[in-house]
Amino acid sequence: MEVKEPLINFWYRALHSARGIELVCASAESTRAKLYAARREAKDPDLDKIGITISPFDPHKIWLLKKENSDATP
């Protein structure tokens, strides 16, 4: 994943989207760990409404989904 913006911005993009967002990355596990670290550093309880799922269809895609719609594809 070539980061062109701070990782925390992805959390806020997902939070303000209808259902969530999809990210394409080279290493889903590594990117997921970095995203969780960015969320912890932000200390924003609103971001707890977003969950991370590695796509079951493509291991190079991560979904940041609103938890109430966790079964939806972005």
C-alpha atoms as a PDB file:
ATOM      1  CA  MET A   1       0.000   0.000   0.000  1.00  0.00           C
ATOM      2  CA  GLU A   2       1.540   3.270  -1.053  1.00  0.00           C
ATOM      3  CA  VAL A   3       0.374   5.765   1.533  1.00  0.00           C
ATOM      4  CA  LYS A   4      -0.345   9.183   0.076  1.00  0.00           C
ATOM      5  CA  GLU A   5      -2.247  10.471   3.096  1.00  0.00           C
ATOM      6  CA  PRO A   6      -2.089   9.833   6.843  1.00  0.00           C
ATOM      7  CA  LEU A   7      -3.611   6.476   7.785  1.00  0.00           C
ATOM      8  CA  ILE A   8      -6.056   8.116  10.184  1.00  0.00           C
ATOM      9  CA  ASN A   9      -7.744   9.775   7.202  1.00  0.00           C
ATOM     10  CA  PHE A  10      -8.905   6.361   5.979  1.00  0.00           C
ATOM     11  CA  TRP A  11     -10.757   5.848   9.265  1.00  0.00           C
ATOM     12  CA  TYR A  12     -12.556   9.177   8.900  1.00  0.00           C
ATOM     13  CA  ARG A  13     -13.357   8.511   5.248  1.00  0.00           C
ATOM     14  CA  ALA A  14     -14.976   5.228   6.309  1.00  0.00           C
ATOM     15  CA  LEU A  15     -16.800   6.903   9.183  1.00  0.00           C
ATOM     16  CA  HIS A  16     -18.328   9.517   6.896  1.00  0.00           C
ATOM     17  CA  SER A  17     -19.172   7.132   4.052  1.00  0.00           C
ATOM     18  CA  ALA A  18     -22.480   5.313   3.627  1.00  0.00           C
ATOM     19  CA  ARG A  19     -21.138   1.840   4.544  1.00  0.00           C
ATOM     20  CA  GLY A  20     -17.348   1.952   4.529  1.00  0.00           C
ATOM     21  CA  ILE A  21     -14.380   2.004   2.177  1.00  0.00           C
ATOM     22  CA  GLU A  22     -12.083  -0.456   0.453  1.00  0.00           C
ATOM     23  CA  LEU A  23      -8.291  -0.170   0.424  1.00  0.00           C
ATOM     24  CA  VAL A  24      -5.911  -2.010  -1.888  1.00  0.00           C
ATOM     25  CA  CYS A  25      -2.571  -2.941  -0.347  1.00  0.00           C
ATOM     26  CA  ALA A  26       0.415  -5.237  -0.827  1.00  0.00           C
ATOM     27  CA  SER A  27       0.254  -6.741   2.668  1.00  0.00           C
ATOM     28  CA  ALA A  28      -3.167  -6.808   4.288  1.00  0.00           C
ATOM     29  CA  GLU A  29      -1.886  -7.993   7.685  1.00  0.00           C
ATOM     30  CA  SER A  30       0.762  -5.284   7.894  1.00  0.00           C
ATOM     31  CA  THR A  31      -1.610  -2.571   6.712  1.00  0.00           C
ATOM     32  CA  ARG A  32      -4.290  -3.704   9.154  1.00  0.00           C
ATOM     33  CA  ALA A  33      -1.794  -3.468  12.039  1.00  0.00           C
ATOM     34  CA  LYS A  34      -0.776   0.051  10.977  1.00  0.00           C
ATOM     35  CA  LEU A  35      -4.414   1.123  10.664  1.00  0.00           C
ATOM     36  CA  TYR A  36      -5.205  -0.156  14.165  1.00  0.00           C
ATOM     37  CA  ALA A  37      -2.161   1.698  15.534  1.00  0.00           C
ATOM     38  CA  ALA A  38      -3.324   4.927  13.880  1.00  0.00           C
ATOM     39  CA  ARG A  39      -6.798   4.488  15.410  1.00  0.00           C
ATOM     40  CA  ARG A  40      -5.334   3.905  18.893  1.00  0.00           C
ATOM     41  CA  GLU A  41      -3.183   7.025  18.595  1.00  0.00           C
ATOM     42  CA  ALA A  42      -6.190   9.121  17.548  1.00  0.00           C
ATOM     43  CA  LYS A  43      -8.094   8.194  20.736  1.00  0.00           C
ATOM     44  CA  ASP A  44     -11.396   9.052  19.020  1.00  0.00           C
ATOM     45  CA  PRO A  45     -14.261   6.863  20.320  1.00  0.00           C
ATOM     46  CA  ASP A  46     -16.257   7.498  17.124  1.00  0.00           C
ATOM     47  CA  LEU A  47     -13.716   5.407  15.235  1.00  0.00           C
ATOM     48  CA  ASP A  48     -14.759   2.361  17.286  1.00  0.00           C
ATOM     49  CA  LYS A  49     -17.837   2.265  15.027  1.00  0.00           C
ATOM     50  CA  ILE A  50     -15.577   1.057  12.197  1.00  0.00           C
ATOM     51  CA  GLY A  51     -14.216  -2.462  11.850  1.00  0.00           C
ATOM     52  CA  ILE A  52     -11.504  -3.870   9.601  1.00  0.00           C
ATOM     53  CA  THR A  53     -12.019  -6.945   7.456  1.00  0.00           C
ATOM     54  CA  ILE A  54      -9.642  -8.476   4.946  1.00  0.00           C
ATOM     55  CA  SER A  55     -11.666  -9.238   1.840  1.00  0.00           C
ATOM     56  CA  PRO A  56     -12.496 -12.940   1.524  1.00  0.00           C
ATOM     57  CA  PHE A  57     -12.382 -12.448  -2.252  1.00  0.00           C
ATOM     58  CA  ASP A  58      -9.016 -10.682  -2.631  1.00  0.00           C
ATOM     59  CA  PRO A  59      -6.215 -10.872  -0.024  1.00  0.00           C
ATOM     60  CA  HIS A  60      -4.889  -7.499  -1.217  1.00  0.00           C
ATOM     61  CA  LYS A  61      -8.032  -5.619  -0.213  1.00  0.00           C
ATOM     62  CA  ILE A  62      -9.071  -4.375   3.211  1.00  0.00           C
ATOM     63  CA  TRP A  63     -12.539  -3.168   4.041  1.00  0.00           C
ATOM     64  CA  LEU A  64     -13.129  -0.533   6.695  1.00  0.00           C
ATOM     65  CA  LEU A  65     -16.815  -1.035   7.397  1.00  0.00           C
ATOM     66  CA  LYS A  66     -19.320   0.520   9.721  1.00  0.00           C
ATOM     67  CA  LYS A  67     -20.050  -2.160  12.297  1.00  0.00           C
ATOM     68  CA  GLU A  68     -23.816  -1.990  11.902  1.00  0.00           C
ATOM     69  CA  ASN A  69     -23.274  -2.914   8.218  1.00  0.00           C
ATOM     70  CA  SER A  70     -20.420  -5.352   8.694  1.00  0.00           C
ATOM     71  CA  ASP A  71     -21.894  -7.845   6.205  1.00  0.00           C
ATOM     72  CA  ALA A  72     -22.000  -5.249   3.409  1.00  0.00           C
ATOM     73  CA  THR A  73     -19.419  -4.788   0.688  1.00  0.00           C
ATOM     74  CA  PRO A  74     -18.179  -1.181   0.344  1.00  0.00           C
END
